[in-house]
Amino acid sequence: MPDNWGFVAAAYGLTAVALLFYWRRLARKEREVEALRRLKAPRS
C-alpha cells in the first residue's frame, strides 16, 4: 500500500485540476447566459 501513495496523490491532483477547469467553464457560461438575458430583456 505505501508504494501506491504517489498514484493516489497524482489522482487527487488531477481531479482537483479537472474540477478547477470545469468550475471556470461553468462560471464563463453563466456570464454568457446573463449577458444574453440582459440583451433579450424587454426595454421599457
PDB file of N, CA and C in Angstrom:
ATOM      1  N   MET A   1       0.812  -1.205   0.000  1.00  0.00           N
ATOM      2  CA  MET A   1       0.000   0.000   0.000  1.00  0.00           C
ATOM      3  C   MET A   1       0.851   1.264   0.000  1.00  0.00           C
ATOM      4  N   PRO A   2       1.922   1.348   0.776  1.00  0.00           N
ATOM      5  CA  PRO A   2       2.715   2.591   0.775  1.00  0.00           C
ATOM      6  C   PRO A   2       3.294   2.919  -0.595  1.00  0.00           C
ATOM      7  N   ASP A   3       3.489   1.912  -1.435  1.00  0.00           N
ATOM      8  CA  ASP A   3       4.045   2.165  -2.758  1.00  0.00           C
ATOM      9  C   ASP A   3       3.070   2.914  -3.662  1.00  0.00           C
ATOM     10  N   ASN A   4       1.796   2.906  -3.320  1.00  0.00           N
ATOM     11  CA  ASN A   4       0.779   3.500  -4.183  1.00  0.00           C
ATOM     12  C   ASN A   4       0.458   4.942  -3.844  1.00  0.00           C
ATOM     13  N   TRP A   5       1.041   5.518  -2.796  1.00  0.00           N
ATOM     14  CA  TRP A   5       0.674   6.866  -2.378  1.00  0.00           C
ATOM     15  C   TRP A   5       0.972   7.900  -3.452  1.00  0.00           C
ATOM     16  N   GLY A   6       1.986   7.685  -4.250  1.00  0.00           N
ATOM     17  CA  GLY A   6       2.274   8.607  -5.347  1.00  0.00           C
ATOM     18  C   GLY A   6       1.148   8.637  -6.364  1.00  0.00           C
ATOM     19  N   PHE A   7       0.610   7.469  -6.666  1.00  0.00           N
ATOM     20  CA  PHE A   7      -0.509   7.393  -7.608  1.00  0.00           C
ATOM     21  C   PHE A   7      -1.770   8.022  -7.020  1.00  0.00           C
ATOM     22  N   VAL A   8      -1.981   7.812  -5.723  1.00  0.00           N
ATOM     23  CA  VAL A   8      -3.149   8.398  -5.061  1.00  0.00           C
ATOM     24  C   VAL A   8      -3.041   9.922  -5.096  1.00  0.00           C
ATOM     25  N   ALA A   9      -1.886  10.454  -4.775  1.00  0.00           N
ATOM     26  CA  ALA A   9      -1.681  11.902  -4.794  1.00  0.00           C
ATOM     27  C   ALA A   9      -1.860  12.445  -6.210  1.00  0.00           C
ATOM     28  N   ALA A  10      -1.349  11.738  -7.206  1.00  0.00           N
ATOM     29  CA  ALA A  10      -1.498  12.175  -8.590  1.00  0.00           C
ATOM     30  C   ALA A  10      -2.966  12.163  -9.013  1.00  0.00           C
ATOM     31  N   ALA A  11      -3.720  11.166  -8.582  1.00  0.00           N
ATOM     32  CA  ALA A  11      -5.143  11.096  -8.920  1.00  0.00           C
ATOM     33  C   ALA A  11      -5.908  12.256  -8.291  1.00  0.00           C
ATOM     34  N   TYR A  12      -5.618  12.548  -7.029  1.00  0.00           N
ATOM     35  CA  TYR A  12      -6.278  13.689  -6.376  1.00  0.00           C
ATOM     36  C   TYR A  12      -5.883  14.998  -7.045  1.00  0.00           C
ATOM     37  N   GLY A  13      -4.631  15.141  -7.403  1.00  0.00           N
ATOM     38  CA  GLY A  13      -4.183  16.358  -8.077  1.00  0.00           C
ATOM     39  C   GLY A  13      -4.854  16.533  -9.425  1.00  0.00           C
ATOM     40  N   LEU A  14      -4.923  15.468 -10.191  1.00  0.00           N
ATOM     41  CA  LEU A  14      -5.571  15.518 -11.497  1.00  0.00           C
ATOM     42  C   LEU A  14      -7.055  15.855 -11.360  1.00  0.00           C
ATOM     43  N   THR A  15      -7.700  15.263 -10.367  1.00  0.00           N
ATOM     44  CA  THR A  15      -9.116  15.559 -10.128  1.00  0.00           C
ATOM     45  C   THR A  15      -9.307  17.020  -9.748  1.00  0.00           C
ATOM     46  N   ALA A  16      -8.433  17.550  -8.900  1.00  0.00           N
ATOM     47  CA  ALA A  16      -8.537  18.953  -8.499  1.00  0.00           C
ATOM     48  C   ALA A  16      -8.377  19.886  -9.701  1.00  0.00           C
ATOM     49  N   VAL A  17      -7.448  19.582 -10.575  1.00  0.00           N
ATOM     50  CA  VAL A  17      -7.238  20.410 -11.764  1.00  0.00           C
ATOM     51  C   VAL A  17      -8.446  20.329 -12.691  1.00  0.00           C
ATOM     52  N   ALA A  18      -8.971  19.136 -12.880  1.00  0.00           N
ATOM     53  CA  ALA A  18     -10.146  18.973 -13.748  1.00  0.00           C
ATOM     54  C   ALA A  18     -11.333  19.739 -13.186  1.00  0.00           C
ATOM     55  N   LEU A  19     -11.555  19.664 -11.872  1.00  0.00           N
ATOM     56  CA  LEU A  19     -12.668  20.392 -11.265  1.00  0.00           C
ATOM     57  C   LEU A  19     -12.475  21.892 -11.359  1.00  0.00           C
ATOM     58  N   LEU A  20     -11.249  22.347 -11.233  1.00  0.00           N
ATOM     59  CA  LEU A  20     -10.973  23.778 -11.361  1.00  0.00           C
ATOM     60  C   LEU A  20     -11.315  24.278 -12.761  1.00  0.00           C
ATOM     61  N   PHE A  21     -10.889  23.555 -13.783  1.00  0.00           N
ATOM     62  CA  PHE A  21     -11.201  23.956 -15.150  1.00  0.00           C
ATOM     63  C   PHE A  21     -12.702  23.892 -15.423  1.00  0.00           C
ATOM     64  N   TYR A  22     -13.366  22.875 -14.879  1.00  0.00           N
ATOM     65  CA  TYR A  22     -14.807  22.755 -15.060  1.00  0.00           C
ATOM     66  C   TYR A  22     -15.517  23.916 -14.369  1.00  0.00           C
ATOM     67  N   TRP A  23     -15.099  24.279 -13.176  1.00  0.00           N
ATOM     68  CA  TRP A  23     -15.699  25.390 -12.442  1.00  0.00           C
ATOM     69  C   TRP A  23     -15.546  26.694 -13.226  1.00  0.00           C
ATOM     70  N   ARG A  24     -14.350  26.911 -13.777  1.00  0.00           N
ATOM     71  CA  ARG A  24     -14.121  28.123 -14.571  1.00  0.00           C
ATOM     72  C   ARG A  24     -15.001  28.128 -15.816  1.00  0.00           C
ATOM     73  N   ARG A  25     -15.191  26.987 -16.448  1.00  0.00           N
ATOM     74  CA  ARG A  25     -16.047  26.891 -17.637  1.00  0.00           C
ATOM     75  C   ARG A  25     -17.491  27.218 -17.282  1.00  0.00           C
ATOM     76  N   LEU A  26     -17.960  26.677 -16.153  1.00  0.00           N
ATOM     77  CA  LEU A  26     -19.325  26.973 -15.736  1.00  0.00           C
ATOM     78  C   LEU A  26     -19.501  28.452 -15.421  1.00  0.00           C
ATOM     79  N   ALA A  27     -18.523  29.069 -14.805  1.00  0.00           N
ATOM     80  CA  ALA A  27     -18.608  30.496 -14.490  1.00  0.00           C
ATOM     81  C   ALA A  27     -18.663  31.322 -15.774  1.00  0.00           C
ATOM     82  N   ARG A  28     -17.865  30.939 -16.776  1.00  0.00           N
ATOM     83  CA  ARG A  28     -17.879  31.657 -18.049  1.00  0.00           C
ATOM     84  C   ARG A  28     -19.235  31.495 -18.741  1.00  0.00           C
ATOM     85  N   LYS A  29     -19.785  30.289 -18.721  1.00  0.00           N
ATOM     86  CA  LYS A  29     -21.100  30.057 -19.330  1.00  0.00           C
ATOM     87  C   LYS A  29     -22.173  30.865 -18.606  1.00  0.00           C
ATOM     88  N   GLU A  30     -22.075  30.965 -17.293  1.00  0.00           N
ATOM     89  CA  GLU A  30     -23.052  31.739 -16.537  1.00  0.00           C
ATOM     90  C   GLU A  30     -23.003  33.212 -16.942  1.00  0.00           C
ATOM     91  N   ARG A  31     -21.807  33.749 -17.128  1.00  0.00           N
ATOM     92  CA  ARG A  31     -21.678  35.144 -17.572  1.00  0.00           C
ATOM     93  C   ARG A  31     -22.277  35.325 -18.964  1.00  0.00           C
ATOM     94  N   GLU A  32     -22.068  34.351 -19.854  1.00  0.00           N
ATOM     95  CA  GLU A  32     -22.630  34.438 -21.204  1.00  0.00           C
ATOM     96  C   GLU A  32     -24.160  34.428 -21.158  1.00  0.00           C
ATOM     97  N   VAL A  33     -24.720  33.577 -20.329  1.00  0.00           N
ATOM     98  CA  VAL A  33     -26.176  33.496 -20.218  1.00  0.00           C
ATOM     99  C   VAL A  33     -26.728  34.803 -19.654  1.00  0.00           C
ATOM    100  N   GLU A  34     -26.070  35.358 -18.658  1.00  0.00           N
ATOM    101  CA  GLU A  34     -26.524  36.626 -18.084  1.00  0.00           C
ATOM    102  C   GLU A  34     -26.455  37.745 -19.122  1.00  0.00           C
ATOM    103  N   ALA A  35     -25.411  37.758 -19.930  1.00  0.00           N
ATOM    104  CA  ALA A  35     -25.292  38.784 -20.965  1.00  0.00           C
ATOM    105  C   ALA A  35     -26.415  38.640 -21.996  1.00  0.00           C
ATOM    106  N   LEU A  36     -26.711  37.424 -22.399  1.00  0.00           N
ATOM    107  CA  LEU A  36     -27.802  37.199 -23.347  1.00  0.00           C
ATOM    108  C   LEU A  36     -29.140  37.584 -22.741  1.00  0.00           C
ATOM    109  N   ARG A  37     -29.314  37.280 -21.476  1.00  0.00           N
ATOM    110  CA  ARG A  37     -30.565  37.618 -20.796  1.00  0.00           C
ATOM    111  C   ARG A  37     -30.757  39.130 -20.738  1.00  0.00           C
ATOM    112  N   ARG A  38     -29.662  39.856 -20.518  1.00  0.00           N
ATOM    113  CA  ARG A  38     -29.761  41.316 -20.488  1.00  0.00           C
ATOM    114  C   ARG A  38     -30.098  41.865 -21.867  1.00  0.00           C
ATOM    115  N   LEU A  39     -29.546  41.256 -22.909  1.00  0.00           N
ATOM    116  CA  LEU A  39     -29.825  41.723 -24.262  1.00  0.00           C
ATOM    117  C   LEU A  39     -31.277  41.452 -24.673  1.00  0.00           C
ATOM    118  N   LYS A  40     -31.825  40.335 -24.224  1.00  0.00           N
ATOM    119  CA  LYS A  40     -33.171  39.951 -24.636  1.00  0.00           C
ATOM    120  C   LYS A  40     -34.250  40.534 -23.738  1.00  0.00           C
ATOM    121  N   ALA A  41     -33.871  41.164 -22.639  1.00  0.00           N
ATOM    122  CA  ALA A  41     -34.866  41.733 -21.720  1.00  0.00           C
ATOM    123  C   ALA A  41     -35.612  42.866 -22.405  1.00  0.00           C
ATOM    124  N   PRO A  42     -36.927  42.912 -22.247  1.00  0.00           N
ATOM    125  CA  PRO A  42     -37.702  43.997 -22.855  1.00  0.00           C
ATOM    126  C   PRO A  42     -37.334  45.328 -22.223  1.00  0.00           C
ATOM    127  N   ARG A  43     -37.154  46.294 -23.062  1.00  0.00           N
ATOM    128  CA  ARG A  43     -36.807  47.644 -22.576  1.00  0.00           C
ATOM    129  C   ARG A  43     -38.061  48.457 -22.411  1.00  0.00           C
ATOM    130  N   SER A  44     -38.165  49.149 -21.278  1.00  0.00           N
ATOM    131  CA  SER A  44     -39.362  49.955 -21.042  1.00  0.00           C
ATOM    132  C   SER A  44     -39.123  51.399 -21.424  1.00  0.00           C
TER     133      SER A  44
END
